[in-house]
Amino acid sequence: MNQILKSGISVIGLGLVFLGLTAAEERFDLRVRTDFFAGFAGDQQALDRAMKLCEEELARNPANAEALVWHGSGVFFQSGQFFKAGDRAKGGEYRQRGLAEMDRAVQIAPDNLGVRIPRGAELLTASRYLPNPEMARPLIETGLADFEHTLEIQKLYFDKLGTHQRGELLIGLADGYARLGKDEQATLYFERIRAALPGTPYAANADKWLATKSLTPRESGCIGCHVAK
């Protein structure tokens, strides 16, 4: 489970790149994400700081959906720590609690990309590392719903977003449908990537999937981490 969360760190960070928020809007993720990423990479003090900030914000405003989705991601990460330590009961409890918090955040603010993208990115990534396909399926389905909703919200300006922003969203959708065995939908997204992003790593990976029907976890997202324009 820790591998799941560590693999998801950069994907969540990359997802936040294409929130499409204006400078005037408050970005809660900017207050906590550095510590969360450090915490997910093994810095317990950083994780504690991030969780504490979320908890303080939620004490002031329990309806702060962005604070709640990040806190849920932290609880979900903690479940992996319990599983690794051999405490399956506690691991299961924290896993369900983390998922419930992220779900609640989406219920509070279903159109907030600062909520939909972190949950979608985390679930699509985590689902790759579950040994049981039946356990992975609901996570993939929820992640796809988050990314589809994001695409719908961004549709009027999506083509004006950068290569990285568009590529991460589209390849997440394409790969998610492929892993559900929905090759028709996956093909539509991989072909869209190839047409819209020629000459990019996204297009190269789309070409690979269209030829082989297979991608590695690295090829299905987190491309050019924090450097693409």
C-alpha atoms as a PDB file:
ATOM      1  CA  MET A   1       0.000   0.000   0.000  1.00  0.00           C
ATOM      2  CA  ASN A   2       2.885   2.412   0.666  1.00  0.00           C
ATOM      3  CA  GLN A   3       4.055   1.791  -2.894  1.00  0.00           C
ATOM      4  CA  ILE A   4       0.606   2.791  -4.067  1.00  0.00           C
ATOM      5  CA  LEU A   5       0.759   6.150  -2.339  1.00  0.00           C
ATOM      6  CA  LYS A   6       4.384   6.877  -3.203  1.00  0.00           C
ATOM      7  CA  SER A   7       3.627   6.176  -6.845  1.00  0.00           C
ATOM      8  CA  GLY A   8       0.681   8.529  -6.642  1.00  0.00           C
ATOM      9  CA  ILE A   9       2.554  11.504  -5.219  1.00  0.00           C
ATOM     10  CA  SER A  10       3.719  13.043  -8.457  1.00  0.00           C
ATOM     11  CA  VAL A  11       0.514  12.184 -10.283  1.00  0.00           C
ATOM     12  CA  ILE A  12      -1.514  14.182  -7.787  1.00  0.00           C
ATOM     13  CA  GLY A  13       0.959  17.039  -8.046  1.00  0.00           C
ATOM     14  CA  LEU A  14       0.811  16.951 -11.813  1.00  0.00           C
ATOM     15  CA  GLY A  15      -2.956  16.874 -11.744  1.00  0.00           C
ATOM     16  CA  LEU A  16      -3.018  20.059  -9.727  1.00  0.00           C
ATOM     17  CA  VAL A  17      -1.130  21.830 -12.506  1.00  0.00           C
ATOM     18  CA  PHE A  18      -4.248  21.903 -14.638  1.00  0.00           C
ATOM     19  CA  LEU A  19      -6.739  23.131 -12.059  1.00  0.00           C
ATOM     20  CA  GLY A  20      -7.398  26.195 -14.198  1.00  0.00           C
ATOM     21  CA  LEU A  21      -7.766  28.432 -11.152  1.00  0.00           C
ATOM     22  CA  THR A  22      -7.049  32.137 -11.338  1.00  0.00           C
ATOM     23  CA  ALA A  23      -4.474  33.853  -9.180  1.00  0.00           C
ATOM     24  CA  ALA A  24      -7.261  35.557  -7.272  1.00  0.00           C
ATOM     25  CA  GLU A  25      -8.665  32.269  -6.027  1.00  0.00           C
ATOM     26  CA  GLU A  26      -7.264  30.799  -2.849  1.00  0.00           C
ATOM     27  CA  ARG A  27      -5.365  27.606  -3.515  1.00  0.00           C
ATOM     28  CA  PHE A  28      -5.459  25.450  -0.405  1.00  0.00           C
ATOM     29  CA  ASP A  29      -3.163  22.916  -2.055  1.00  0.00           C
ATOM     30  CA  LEU A  30      -0.383  25.537  -2.149  1.00  0.00           C
ATOM     31  CA  ARG A  31      -0.446  25.610   1.629  1.00  0.00           C
ATOM     32  CA  VAL A  32      -0.044  21.885   2.153  1.00  0.00           C
ATOM     33  CA  ARG A  33       1.127  20.002  -0.895  1.00  0.00           C
ATOM     34  CA  THR A  34       4.882  20.407  -0.358  1.00  0.00           C
ATOM     35  CA  ASP A  35       4.597  18.888   3.096  1.00  0.00           C
ATOM     36  CA  PHE A  36       2.234  16.191   1.876  1.00  0.00           C
ATOM     37  CA  PHE A  37       4.588  15.182  -0.909  1.00  0.00           C
ATOM     38  CA  ALA A  38       7.525  15.120   1.517  1.00  0.00           C
ATOM     39  CA  GLY A  39       5.427  13.116   3.956  1.00  0.00           C
ATOM     40  CA  PHE A  40       4.426  10.592   1.326  1.00  0.00           C
ATOM     41  CA  ALA A  41       8.126  10.240   0.510  1.00  0.00           C
ATOM     42  CA  GLY A  42       8.917   9.345   4.119  1.00  0.00           C
ATOM     43  CA  ASP A  43       9.207  12.602   6.087  1.00  0.00           C
ATOM     44  CA  GLN A  44       6.879  11.955   9.017  1.00  0.00           C
ATOM     45  CA  GLN A  45       7.264  15.450  10.453  1.00  0.00           C
ATOM     46  CA  ALA A  46       6.204  16.995   7.149  1.00  0.00           C
ATOM     47  CA  LEU A  47       3.184  14.710   6.976  1.00  0.00           C
ATOM     48  CA  ASP A  48       2.248  15.621  10.532  1.00  0.00           C
ATOM     49  CA  ARG A  49       2.449  19.341   9.694  1.00  0.00           C
ATOM     50  CA  ALA A  50       0.260  18.923   6.621  1.00  0.00           C
ATOM     51  CA  MET A  51      -2.325  16.857   8.454  1.00  0.00           C
ATOM     52  CA  LYS A  52      -2.359  19.347  11.334  1.00  0.00           C
ATOM     53  CA  LEU A  53      -2.947  22.270   8.979  1.00  0.00           C
ATOM     54  CA  CYS A  54      -5.845  20.410   7.343  1.00  0.00           C
ATOM     55  CA  GLU A  55      -7.309  19.564  10.735  1.00  0.00           C
ATOM     56  CA  GLU A  56      -7.041  23.168  11.912  1.00  0.00           C
ATOM     57  CA  GLU A  57      -8.751  24.374   8.755  1.00  0.00           C
ATOM     58  CA  LEU A  58     -11.488  21.761   9.089  1.00  0.00           C
ATOM     59  CA  ALA A  59     -12.030  22.752  12.725  1.00  0.00           C
ATOM     60  CA  ARG A  60     -12.693  26.322  11.497  1.00  0.00           C
ATOM     61  CA  ASN A  61     -14.688  25.229   8.488  1.00  0.00           C
ATOM     62  CA  PRO A  62     -15.775  21.579   8.293  1.00  0.00           C
ATOM     63  CA  ALA A  63     -17.099  22.244   4.778  1.00  0.00           C
ATOM     64  CA  ASN A  64     -13.699  23.163   3.330  1.00  0.00           C
ATOM     65  CA  ALA A  65     -13.681  20.509   0.639  1.00  0.00           C
ATOM     66  CA  GLU A  66     -10.085  21.101  -0.444  1.00  0.00           C
ATOM     67  CA  ALA A  67      -8.793  20.644   3.090  1.00  0.00           C
ATOM     68  CA  LEU A  68     -10.940  17.529   3.413  1.00  0.00           C
ATOM     69  CA  VAL A  69      -9.754  15.886   0.203  1.00  0.00           C
ATOM     70  CA  TRP A  70      -6.123  16.447   1.157  1.00  0.00           C
ATOM     71  CA  HIS A  71      -6.715  15.181   4.675  1.00  0.00           C
ATOM     72  CA  GLY A  72      -8.402  12.129   3.202  1.00  0.00           C
ATOM     73  CA  SER A  73      -5.385  11.485   1.014  1.00  0.00           C
ATOM     74  CA  GLY A  74      -3.211  11.628   4.132  1.00  0.00           C
ATOM     75  CA  VAL A  75      -5.420   9.175   5.983  1.00  0.00           C
ATOM     76  CA  PHE A  76      -5.334   6.899   2.937  1.00  0.00           C
ATOM     77  CA  PHE A  77      -1.528   7.059   3.008  1.00  0.00           C
ATOM     78  CA  GLN A  78      -1.514   6.227   6.707  1.00  0.00           C
ATOM     79  CA  SER A  79      -3.501   3.092   5.919  1.00  0.00           C
ATOM     80  CA  GLY A  80      -0.496   1.910   3.915  1.00  0.00           C
ATOM     81  CA  GLN A  81       1.746   2.434   6.911  1.00  0.00           C
ATOM     82  CA  PHE A  82      -0.513   0.225   8.998  1.00  0.00           C
ATOM     83  CA  PHE A  83      -0.649  -2.470   6.321  1.00  0.00           C
ATOM     84  CA  LYS A  84       3.140  -2.405   6.060  1.00  0.00           C
ATOM     85  CA  ALA A  85       3.402  -2.838   9.835  1.00  0.00           C
ATOM     86  CA  GLY A  86       1.133  -5.884   9.635  1.00  0.00           C
ATOM     87  CA  ASP A  87      -1.920  -4.261  11.217  1.00  0.00           C
ATOM     88  CA  ARG A  88      -4.494  -5.172   8.602  1.00  0.00           C
ATOM     89  CA  ALA A  89      -7.444  -4.155  10.769  1.00  0.00           C
ATOM     90  CA  LYS A  90      -6.131  -0.635  11.281  1.00  0.00           C
ATOM     91  CA  GLY A  91      -5.032  -0.474   7.663  1.00  0.00           C
ATOM     92  CA  GLY A  92      -8.520  -1.344   6.481  1.00  0.00           C
ATOM     93  CA  GLU A  93     -10.088   1.147   8.866  1.00  0.00           C
ATOM     94  CA  TYR A  94      -7.869   3.997   7.662  1.00  0.00           C
ATOM     95  CA  ARG A  95      -8.280   3.030   4.032  1.00  0.00           C
ATOM     96  CA  GLN A  96     -12.054   3.275   4.297  1.00  0.00           C
ATOM     97  CA  ARG A  97     -11.858   6.461   6.317  1.00  0.00           C
ATOM     98  CA  GLY A  98      -9.554   8.089   3.777  1.00  0.00           C
ATOM     99  CA  LEU A  99     -11.806   7.123   0.891  1.00  0.00           C
ATOM    100  CA  ALA A 100     -14.855   8.373   2.807  1.00  0.00           C
ATOM    101  CA  GLU A 101     -13.245  11.759   3.447  1.00  0.00           C
ATOM    102  CA  MET A 102     -12.310  12.181  -0.200  1.00  0.00           C
ATOM    103  CA  ASP A 103     -15.825  11.156  -1.236  1.00  0.00           C
ATOM    104  CA  ARG A 104     -17.334  13.630   1.199  1.00  0.00           C
ATOM    105  CA  ALA A 105     -15.159  16.405  -0.209  1.00  0.00           C
ATOM    106  CA  VAL A 106     -16.552  15.725  -3.673  1.00  0.00           C
ATOM    107  CA  GLN A 107     -20.087  15.714  -2.309  1.00  0.00           C
ATOM    108  CA  ILE A 108     -19.485  19.147  -0.793  1.00  0.00           C
ATOM    109  CA  ALA A 109     -17.871  20.676  -3.893  1.00  0.00           C
ATOM    110  CA  PRO A 110     -18.541  18.498  -6.949  1.00  0.00           C
ATOM    111  CA  ASP A 111     -17.396  21.174  -9.426  1.00  0.00           C
ATOM    112  CA  ASN A 112     -14.226  22.208  -7.603  1.00  0.00           C
ATOM    113  CA  LEU A 113     -11.246  21.007  -9.634  1.00  0.00           C
ATOM    114  CA  GLY A 114      -9.080  21.386  -6.535  1.00  0.00           C
ATOM    115  CA  VAL A 115     -11.127  18.485  -5.168  1.00  0.00           C
ATOM    116  CA  ARG A 116     -11.940  16.358  -8.206  1.00  0.00           C
ATOM    117  CA  ILE A 117      -8.416  16.224  -9.600  1.00  0.00           C
ATOM    118  CA  PRO A 118      -6.620  15.126  -6.401  1.00  0.00           C
ATOM    119  CA  ARG A 119      -9.132  12.360  -5.732  1.00  0.00           C
ATOM    120  CA  GLY A 120      -9.172  11.187  -9.335  1.00  0.00           C
ATOM    121  CA  ALA A 121      -5.394  11.155  -9.636  1.00  0.00           C
ATOM    122  CA  GLU A 122      -4.923   9.309  -6.371  1.00  0.00           C
ATOM    123  CA  LEU A 123      -7.507   6.632  -7.115  1.00  0.00           C
ATOM    124  CA  LEU A 124      -6.396   6.010 -10.697  1.00  0.00           C
ATOM    125  CA  THR A 125      -2.816   5.607  -9.527  1.00  0.00           C
ATOM    126  CA  ALA A 126      -3.552   3.525  -6.435  1.00  0.00           C
ATOM    127  CA  SER A 127      -5.725   1.153  -8.428  1.00  0.00           C
ATOM    128  CA  ARG A 128      -2.733   0.099 -10.512  1.00  0.00           C
ATOM    129  CA  TYR A 129      -1.076  -1.582  -7.541  1.00  0.00           C
ATOM    130  CA  LEU A 130      -3.958  -3.561  -6.082  1.00  0.00           C
ATOM    131  CA  PRO A 131      -3.508  -7.300  -6.623  1.00  0.00           C
ATOM    132  CA  ASN A 132      -7.238  -7.970  -6.964  1.00  0.00           C
ATOM    133  CA  PRO A 133      -8.850  -6.491 -10.121  1.00  0.00           C
ATOM    134  CA  GLU A 134     -12.236  -6.473  -8.411  1.00  0.00           C
ATOM    135  CA  MET A 135     -10.832  -4.255  -5.657  1.00  0.00           C
ATOM    136  CA  ALA A 136      -9.237  -1.975  -8.230  1.00  0.00           C
ATOM    137  CA  ARG A 137     -12.302  -1.570 -10.428  1.00  0.00           C
ATOM    138  CA  PRO A 138     -14.359   0.793  -8.226  1.00  0.00           C
ATOM    139  CA  LEU A 139     -11.314   3.007  -7.680  1.00  0.00           C
ATOM    140  CA  ILE A 140     -10.737   3.227 -11.441  1.00  0.00           C
ATOM    141  CA  GLU A 141     -14.400   3.989 -12.082  1.00  0.00           C
ATOM    142  CA  THR A 142     -14.446   6.785  -9.515  1.00  0.00           C
ATOM    143  CA  GLY A 143     -11.173   8.203 -10.793  1.00  0.00           C
ATOM    144  CA  LEU A 144     -12.485   8.207 -14.347  1.00  0.00           C
ATOM    145  CA  ALA A 145     -15.647   9.981 -13.240  1.00  0.00           C
ATOM    146  CA  ASP A 146     -13.507  12.694 -11.630  1.00  0.00           C
ATOM    147  CA  PHE A 147     -11.400  13.136 -14.748  1.00  0.00           C
ATOM    148  CA  GLU A 148     -14.424  13.092 -17.077  1.00  0.00           C
ATOM    149  CA  HIS A 149     -16.044  15.778 -14.932  1.00  0.00           C
ATOM    150  CA  THR A 150     -12.846  17.802 -15.039  1.00  0.00           C
ATOM    151  CA  LEU A 151     -12.759  17.555 -18.831  1.00  0.00           C
ATOM    152  CA  GLU A 152     -16.382  18.689 -19.032  1.00  0.00           C
ATOM    153  CA  ILE A 153     -15.693  21.716 -16.830  1.00  0.00           C
ATOM    154  CA  GLN A 154     -12.617  22.636 -18.861  1.00  0.00           C
ATOM    155  CA  LYS A 155     -14.087  21.971 -22.302  1.00  0.00           C
ATOM    156  CA  LEU A 156     -14.418  25.631 -23.311  1.00  0.00           C
ATOM    157  CA  TYR A 157     -10.734  26.312 -22.714  1.00  0.00           C
ATOM    158  CA  PHE A 158      -9.183  22.844 -22.688  1.00  0.00           C
ATOM    159  CA  ASP A 159      -7.416  23.297 -26.034  1.00  0.00           C
ATOM    160  CA  LYS A 160      -5.712  26.421 -24.668  1.00  0.00           C
ATOM    161  CA  LEU A 161      -4.120  24.547 -21.768  1.00  0.00           C
ATOM    162  CA  GLY A 162      -0.503  23.465 -21.974  1.00  0.00           C
ATOM    163  CA  THR A 163       0.752  20.154 -23.298  1.00  0.00           C
ATOM    164  CA  HIS A 164       1.342  18.812 -19.819  1.00  0.00           C
ATOM    165  CA  GLN A 165      -2.072  19.737 -18.490  1.00  0.00           C
ATOM    166  CA  ARG A 166      -3.932  18.201 -21.419  1.00  0.00           C
ATOM    167  CA  GLY A 167      -1.680  15.186 -21.666  1.00  0.00           C
ATOM    168  CA  GLU A 168      -1.991  14.166 -18.032  1.00  0.00           C
ATOM    169  CA  LEU A 169      -5.765  14.336 -18.077  1.00  0.00           C
ATOM    170  CA  LEU A 170      -6.214  12.566 -21.406  1.00  0.00           C
ATOM    171  CA  ILE A 171      -3.753   9.780 -20.735  1.00  0.00           C
ATOM    172  CA  GLY A 172      -5.300   9.193 -17.323  1.00  0.00           C
ATOM    173  CA  LEU A 173      -8.665   8.743 -19.013  1.00  0.00           C
ATOM    174  CA  ALA A 174      -7.280   6.585 -21.816  1.00  0.00           C
ATOM    175  CA  ASP A 175      -5.350   4.298 -19.496  1.00  0.00           C
ATOM    176  CA  GLY A 176      -8.208   4.040 -17.006  1.00  0.00           C
ATOM    177  CA  TYR A 177     -10.636   2.858 -19.672  1.00  0.00           C
ATOM    178  CA  ALA A 178      -8.027   0.455 -21.021  1.00  0.00           C
ATOM    179  CA  ARG A 179      -7.598  -1.124 -17.589  1.00  0.00           C
ATOM    180  CA  LEU A 180     -11.359  -1.580 -17.330  1.00  0.00           C
ATOM    181  CA  GLY A 181     -11.264  -3.472 -20.626  1.00  0.00           C
ATOM    182  CA  LYS A 182     -13.192  -0.693 -22.381  1.00  0.00           C
ATOM    183  CA  ASP A 183     -10.960  -0.573 -25.425  1.00  0.00           C
ATOM    184  CA  GLU A 184     -13.367   1.478 -27.536  1.00  0.00           C
ATOM    185  CA  GLN A 185     -13.311   4.404 -25.110  1.00  0.00           C
ATOM    186  CA  ALA A 186      -9.585   3.976 -24.516  1.00  0.00           C
ATOM    187  CA  THR A 187      -8.888   4.044 -28.245  1.00  0.00           C
ATOM    188  CA  LEU A 188     -10.840   7.296 -28.662  1.00  0.00           C
ATOM    189  CA  TYR A 189      -8.733   8.996 -26.001  1.00  0.00           C
ATOM    190  CA  PHE A 190      -5.409   7.584 -27.219  1.00  0.00           C
ATOM    191  CA  GLU A 191      -6.244   8.727 -30.750  1.00  0.00           C
ATOM    192  CA  ARG A 192      -7.191  12.148 -29.392  1.00  0.00           C
ATOM    193  CA  ILE A 193      -3.808  12.352 -27.652  1.00  0.00           C
ATOM    194  CA  ARG A 194      -2.011  11.415 -30.841  1.00  0.00           C
ATOM    195  CA  ALA A 195      -3.898  14.039 -32.864  1.00  0.00           C
ATOM    196  CA  ALA A 196      -3.764  16.855 -30.300  1.00  0.00           C
ATOM    197  CA  LEU A 197      -0.234  16.379 -28.943  1.00  0.00           C
ATOM    198  CA  PRO A 198       1.962  15.247 -31.854  1.00  0.00           C
ATOM    199  CA  GLY A 199       5.660  14.902 -31.193  1.00  0.00           C
ATOM    200  CA  THR A 200       5.220  14.648 -27.421  1.00  0.00           C
ATOM    201  CA  PRO A 201       5.865  11.729 -25.049  1.00  0.00           C
ATOM    202  CA  TYR A 202       2.088  11.487 -24.659  1.00  0.00           C
ATOM    203  CA  ALA A 203       1.673  10.849 -28.376  1.00  0.00           C
ATOM    204  CA  ALA A 204       4.513   8.315 -28.328  1.00  0.00           C
ATOM    205  CA  ASN A 205       2.866   6.422 -25.499  1.00  0.00           C
ATOM    206  CA  ALA A 206      -0.486   6.607 -27.262  1.00  0.00           C
ATOM    207  CA  ASP A 207       1.159   5.088 -30.342  1.00  0.00           C
ATOM    208  CA  LYS A 208       2.558   2.310 -28.167  1.00  0.00           C
ATOM    209  CA  TRP A 209      -0.803   1.478 -26.627  1.00  0.00           C
ATOM    210  CA  LEU A 210      -2.577   1.545 -29.977  1.00  0.00           C
ATOM    211  CA  ALA A 211      -0.001  -0.926 -31.289  1.00  0.00           C
ATOM    212  CA  THR A 212       0.381  -3.178 -28.248  1.00  0.00           C
ATOM    213  CA  LYS A 213      -2.632  -2.488 -25.972  1.00  0.00           C
ATOM    214  CA  SER A 214      -0.205  -2.110 -23.084  1.00  0.00           C
ATOM    215  CA  LEU A 215       1.593   0.631 -21.135  1.00  0.00           C
ATOM    216  CA  THR A 216       3.756   0.600 -18.015  1.00  0.00           C
ATOM    217  CA  PRO A 217       2.596   2.661 -15.013  1.00  0.00           C
ATOM    218  CA  ARG A 218       5.248   5.260 -15.831  1.00  0.00           C
ATOM    219  CA  GLU A 219       4.027   5.543 -19.422  1.00  0.00           C
ATOM    220  CA  SER A 220       0.424   6.064 -18.387  1.00  0.00           C
ATOM    221  CA  GLY A 221       1.004   9.301 -16.510  1.00  0.00           C
ATOM    222  CA  CYS A 222       3.444  11.586 -14.704  1.00  0.00           C
ATOM    223  CA  ILE A 223       5.346  12.463 -17.875  1.00  0.00           C
ATOM    224  CA  GLY A 224       7.818  15.331 -17.676  1.00  0.00           C
ATOM    225  CA  CYS A 225       7.054  15.908 -14.023  1.00  0.00           C
ATOM    226  CA  HIS A 226       6.902  19.641 -13.232  1.00  0.00           C
ATOM    227  CA  VAL A 227       8.898  20.623 -16.290  1.00  0.00           C
ATOM    228  CA  ALA A 228       6.505  20.449 -19.218  1.00  0.00           C
ATOM    229  CA  LYS A 229       4.982  23.654 -20.475  1.00  0.00           C
END
